[in-house]
Protein backbone atom coordinates (compact mmCIF):
# COMPACT_ATOMS: atom_id res chain seq x y z
CA MET A 1 -6.12 -5.31 -28.07
CA ARG A 2 -2.97 -7.39 -27.65
CA THR A 3 -1.43 -6.72 -24.25
CA LEU A 4 2.01 -7.92 -23.16
CA VAL A 5 3.28 -7.68 -19.58
CA VAL A 6 7.03 -7.94 -19.08
CA ALA A 7 7.85 -9.42 -15.66
CA PRO A 8 11.44 -9.55 -14.39
CA HIS A 9 10.32 -12.28 -11.97
CA PRO A 10 7.12 -14.29 -11.64
CA ASP A 11 4.79 -12.32 -9.33
CA ASP A 12 5.78 -8.85 -10.65
CA GLU A 13 2.99 -9.12 -13.22
CA ILE A 14 0.36 -9.62 -10.51
CA LEU A 15 1.73 -7.03 -8.11
CA GLY A 16 2.03 -4.42 -10.85
CA CYS A 17 -0.99 -4.98 -13.04
CA GLY A 18 -2.85 -8.14 -12.06
CA GLY A 19 -6.19 -6.38 -11.79
CA THR A 20 -5.69 -4.57 -15.08
CA LEU A 21 -4.83 -7.83 -16.85
CA LEU A 22 -8.01 -9.42 -15.51
CA ARG A 23 -10.01 -6.44 -16.71
CA ARG A 24 -8.33 -6.49 -20.13
CA LYS A 25 -9.21 -10.18 -20.47
CA VAL A 26 -12.88 -9.50 -19.74
CA ASP A 27 -12.75 -6.71 -22.33
CA GLY A 28 -11.59 -9.23 -24.93
CA ALA A 29 -7.83 -8.62 -25.05
CA ASP A 30 -5.27 -11.25 -25.99
CA LEU A 31 -2.77 -11.43 -23.15
CA GLY A 32 0.92 -12.26 -23.32
CA TRP A 33 3.26 -12.81 -20.38
CA LEU A 34 7.02 -12.44 -20.79
CA ILE A 35 8.79 -13.92 -17.76
CA VAL A 36 12.44 -12.89 -17.87
CA THR A 37 14.10 -14.82 -15.02
CA GLY A 38 13.56 -18.18 -13.41
CA ILE A 39 14.99 -20.64 -10.93
CA SER A 40 16.78 -23.88 -11.73
CA GLU A 41 18.61 -26.73 -10.06
CA LYS A 42 21.75 -25.58 -11.89
CA ASN A 43 21.60 -22.34 -9.92
CA GLY A 44 21.21 -24.07 -6.58
CA TRP A 45 17.44 -24.49 -6.22
CA SER A 46 15.95 -27.77 -5.09
CA LYS A 47 14.06 -29.93 -7.56
CA GLU A 48 10.93 -29.55 -5.41
CA ARG A 49 11.12 -25.73 -5.44
CA VAL A 50 11.68 -25.64 -9.19
CA ARG A 51 8.63 -27.85 -9.72
CA GLN A 52 6.60 -25.69 -7.35
CA ARG A 53 7.50 -22.56 -9.30
CA GLU A 54 6.51 -24.24 -12.57
CA THR A 55 3.16 -25.14 -11.02
CA GLU A 56 2.69 -21.58 -9.76
CA ILE A 57 3.31 -20.20 -13.25
CA ASP A 58 0.80 -22.64 -14.75
CA GLN A 59 -1.81 -21.72 -12.15
CA VAL A 60 -1.32 -17.97 -12.61
CA ALA A 61 -1.48 -18.31 -16.39
CA GLU A 62 -4.82 -20.08 -16.07
CA LEU A 63 -6.27 -17.68 -13.49
CA ILE A 64 -5.35 -14.58 -15.51
CA GLY A 65 -6.18 -16.16 -18.84
CA PHE A 66 -2.90 -15.57 -20.65
CA ASN A 67 -3.04 -16.56 -24.29
CA GLN A 68 0.71 -16.98 -24.52
CA VAL A 69 3.50 -17.33 -21.96
CA PHE A 70 7.13 -16.67 -22.90
CA ASN A 71 9.61 -17.83 -20.27
CA LEU A 72 13.24 -16.90 -20.90
CA CYS A 73 14.38 -18.65 -17.67
CA LEU A 74 17.39 -16.38 -17.24
CA PRO A 75 19.11 -16.47 -13.83
CA ALA A 76 17.60 -13.99 -11.37
CA ALA A 77 19.83 -11.23 -9.99
CA ARG A 78 22.42 -11.97 -12.68
CA LEU A 79 21.06 -10.02 -15.63
CA ASP A 80 23.80 -7.45 -15.07
CA VAL A 81 26.45 -9.90 -16.32
CA MET A 82 24.52 -10.65 -19.52
CA PRO A 83 25.31 -8.61 -22.64
CA ALA A 84 22.54 -6.07 -23.09
CA SER A 85 22.31 -6.86 -26.80
CA ASP A 86 21.56 -10.52 -26.04
CA LEU A 87 18.71 -9.53 -23.75
CA VAL A 88 17.28 -7.11 -26.30
CA ASP A 89 17.46 -9.82 -28.97
CA ALA A 90 15.58 -12.24 -26.71
CA PHE A 91 12.90 -9.65 -26.02
CA SER A 92 12.68 -8.75 -29.69
CA THR A 93 11.92 -12.36 -30.59
CA VAL A 94 8.96 -12.29 -28.22
CA PHE A 95 7.73 -8.93 -29.54
CA LYS A 96 7.91 -10.22 -33.11
CA SER A 97 5.97 -13.34 -32.16
CA PHE A 98 3.24 -11.73 -30.06
CA GLN A 99 2.92 -8.38 -31.85
CA PRO A 100 1.73 -6.43 -28.77
CA GLU A 101 -0.20 -3.20 -29.03
CA GLU A 102 0.04 -2.42 -25.32
CA VAL A 103 3.11 -3.18 -23.22
CA PHE A 104 3.47 -3.09 -19.44
CA VAL A 105 7.03 -2.78 -18.10
CA PRO A 106 8.57 -2.34 -14.64
CA HIS A 107 9.57 1.19 -13.73
CA ARG A 108 13.15 2.33 -14.30
CA SER A 109 13.46 3.62 -10.72
CA ASP A 110 12.83 0.22 -9.10
CA VAL A 111 15.50 -0.67 -6.57
CA HIS A 112 16.07 -4.17 -7.98
CA THR A 113 18.75 -4.18 -10.69
CA ASP A 114 16.84 -6.84 -12.66
CA HIS A 115 13.91 -4.43 -12.98
CA GLN A 116 16.13 -1.63 -14.27
CA ILE A 117 17.79 -3.87 -16.86
CA VAL A 118 14.47 -5.34 -17.98
CA PHE A 119 13.04 -1.85 -18.40
CA ASP A 120 15.92 -0.83 -20.67
CA ALA A 121 15.67 -3.97 -22.79
CA ALA A 122 11.89 -3.74 -23.12
CA VAL A 123 11.94 -0.06 -24.05
CA ALA A 124 14.50 -0.83 -26.76
CA CYS A 125 11.81 -3.01 -28.35
CA THR A 126 9.19 -0.27 -28.41
CA LYS A 127 10.67 1.86 -31.18
CA TRP A 128 7.98 2.13 -33.86
CA PHE A 129 10.34 1.22 -36.69
CA ARG A 130 11.40 -1.99 -34.93
CA HIS A 131 8.04 -3.16 -33.63
CA PRO A 132 5.29 -1.02 -35.19
CA SER A 133 2.52 -2.98 -33.47
CA VAL A 134 3.32 -1.21 -30.15
CA ARG A 135 0.91 1.65 -29.54
CA ARG A 136 1.10 2.20 -25.78
CA ILE A 137 3.84 1.67 -23.18
CA LEU A 138 3.00 1.82 -19.49
CA ALA A 139 5.28 1.42 -16.49
CA TYR A 140 3.77 -0.37 -13.50
CA GLU A 141 4.71 -0.08 -9.85
CA THR A 142 5.96 -3.13 -7.98
CA ILE A 143 5.34 -2.92 -4.27
CA SER A 144 8.63 -3.33 -2.31
CA GLU A 145 10.64 -2.35 -5.40
CA THR A 146 9.22 0.89 -6.84
CA ASP A 147 8.48 2.35 -3.43
CA PHE A 148 11.99 1.57 -2.14
CA GLY A 149 13.84 3.32 -4.94
CA LEU A 150 15.85 6.31 -3.70
CA ASN A 151 16.80 7.91 -7.02
CA THR A 152 15.11 11.29 -6.75
CA ASP A 153 15.91 12.08 -10.39
CA CYS A 154 13.75 9.22 -11.62
CA VAL A 155 10.58 8.57 -9.64
CA PHE A 156 7.33 6.80 -10.38
CA SER A 157 4.81 9.49 -11.33
CA PRO A 158 1.43 7.86 -12.00
CA ASN A 159 -0.66 9.52 -14.68
CA TYR A 160 -2.81 6.60 -15.85
CA PHE A 161 -5.22 4.81 -13.53
CA VAL A 162 -7.27 1.67 -14.16
CA ASP A 163 -10.38 0.87 -12.13
CA ILE A 164 -9.95 -2.66 -10.71
CA SER A 165 -12.76 -2.48 -8.18
CA ASP A 166 -14.40 -5.58 -9.66
CA PHE A 167 -11.11 -7.44 -9.97
CA LEU A 168 -9.24 -6.74 -6.74
CA GLU A 169 -10.30 -9.92 -4.97
CA SER A 170 -9.34 -12.03 -7.98
CA LYS A 171 -5.98 -10.26 -8.08
CA LEU A 172 -5.38 -11.08 -4.42
CA GLU A 173 -6.44 -14.71 -4.93
CA THR A 174 -4.01 -14.99 -7.82
CA MET A 175 -1.21 -13.40 -5.83
CA ALA A 176 -1.81 -15.99 -3.11
CA VAL A 177 -0.56 -18.62 -5.55
CA TYR A 178 2.89 -17.19 -4.86
CA GLY A 179 2.61 -18.12 -1.20
CA THR A 180 6.34 -18.09 -0.52
CA GLU A 181 6.59 -14.48 -1.74
CA LEU A 182 4.02 -13.18 0.73
CA GLY A 183 4.66 -12.16 4.31
CA THR A 184 2.85 -10.78 7.32
CA PHE A 185 1.89 -7.10 7.35
CA PRO A 186 3.63 -4.64 7.54
CA PHE A 187 5.82 -6.63 5.13
CA PRO A 188 5.26 -4.85 1.78
CA ARG A 189 4.34 -8.00 -0.13
CA SER A 190 1.38 -8.87 2.06
CA ILE A 191 -2.28 -9.09 1.17
CA GLU A 192 -3.03 -6.14 3.45
CA ALA A 193 -0.39 -3.93 1.82
CA ILE A 194 -1.49 -4.83 -1.71
CA ARG A 195 -5.11 -4.10 -0.82
CA SER A 196 -4.11 -0.80 0.80
CA LEU A 197 -2.18 0.31 -2.27
CA ALA A 198 -5.21 -0.43 -4.45
CA ALA A 199 -7.36 1.69 -2.13
CA LEU A 200 -4.80 4.52 -2.17
CA ARG A 201 -4.63 4.55 -5.96
CA GLY A 202 -8.40 4.34 -6.07
CA SER A 203 -8.80 7.35 -3.82
CA ALA A 204 -6.49 9.31 -6.12
CA SER A 205 -8.61 8.50 -9.17
CA GLY A 206 -12.17 8.22 -7.91
CA PHE A 207 -12.48 4.42 -7.71
CA VAL A 208 -12.88 1.94 -4.89
CA ALA A 209 -9.68 0.24 -6.03
CA ALA A 210 -7.23 1.03 -8.82
CA GLU A 211 -3.83 0.27 -10.25
CA ALA A 212 -1.59 3.19 -11.20
CA PHE A 213 0.80 3.42 -14.11
CA GLN A 214 3.10 5.91 -15.73
CA LEU A 215 2.21 6.35 -19.38
CA LEU A 216 5.53 6.54 -21.21
CA ARG A 217 4.33 6.77 -24.80
CA GLU A 218 1.14 6.38 -26.79
CA ARG A 219 0.57 6.45 -30.55
CA SER A 220 -2.94 6.65 -31.92
């Protein structure tokens, strides 16, 4: 299995499917991580913060066990001014290189515009005649983004659950690498909230802890 997770921002991959990625790794999968946006001094970030983010990415890559990391370093919250065709081309280059069989993408209903744009670009790369390696496409939920979407015509409807009971603590430890992204409960991106969501999804699927996804397409 070759599994690729598409993350609009570093930390989305852990929030959405960190436990599943850890489980896939144990099961022998090759893991790819496509990071779409990044921070830079050119866009107003301090040199220290940029270096810290680079260190965080390196640490997460090691903890999860990613075989390949693709970092496009596009400016966050500015994807809407980028030609859609350029973004699709950038994604396509990654898909051609990694040849994923399973792809995790953010959900189209997420409130963050970056997530919506990334979803559209990623899905454009899942057509079988463009990238025939892709067999399964799953949308993950990103706490504080998916749950804050108000578009009632397009909602996250989980129909695929992965047991992460044995991997929840490792997921939380990995998420802690992104210390500046975490807050105090009831802030959504808190350890307590992430743990609670795993318990909720577990109770819906018969596990102690689970991650939920919406299966968009599968070819077998």
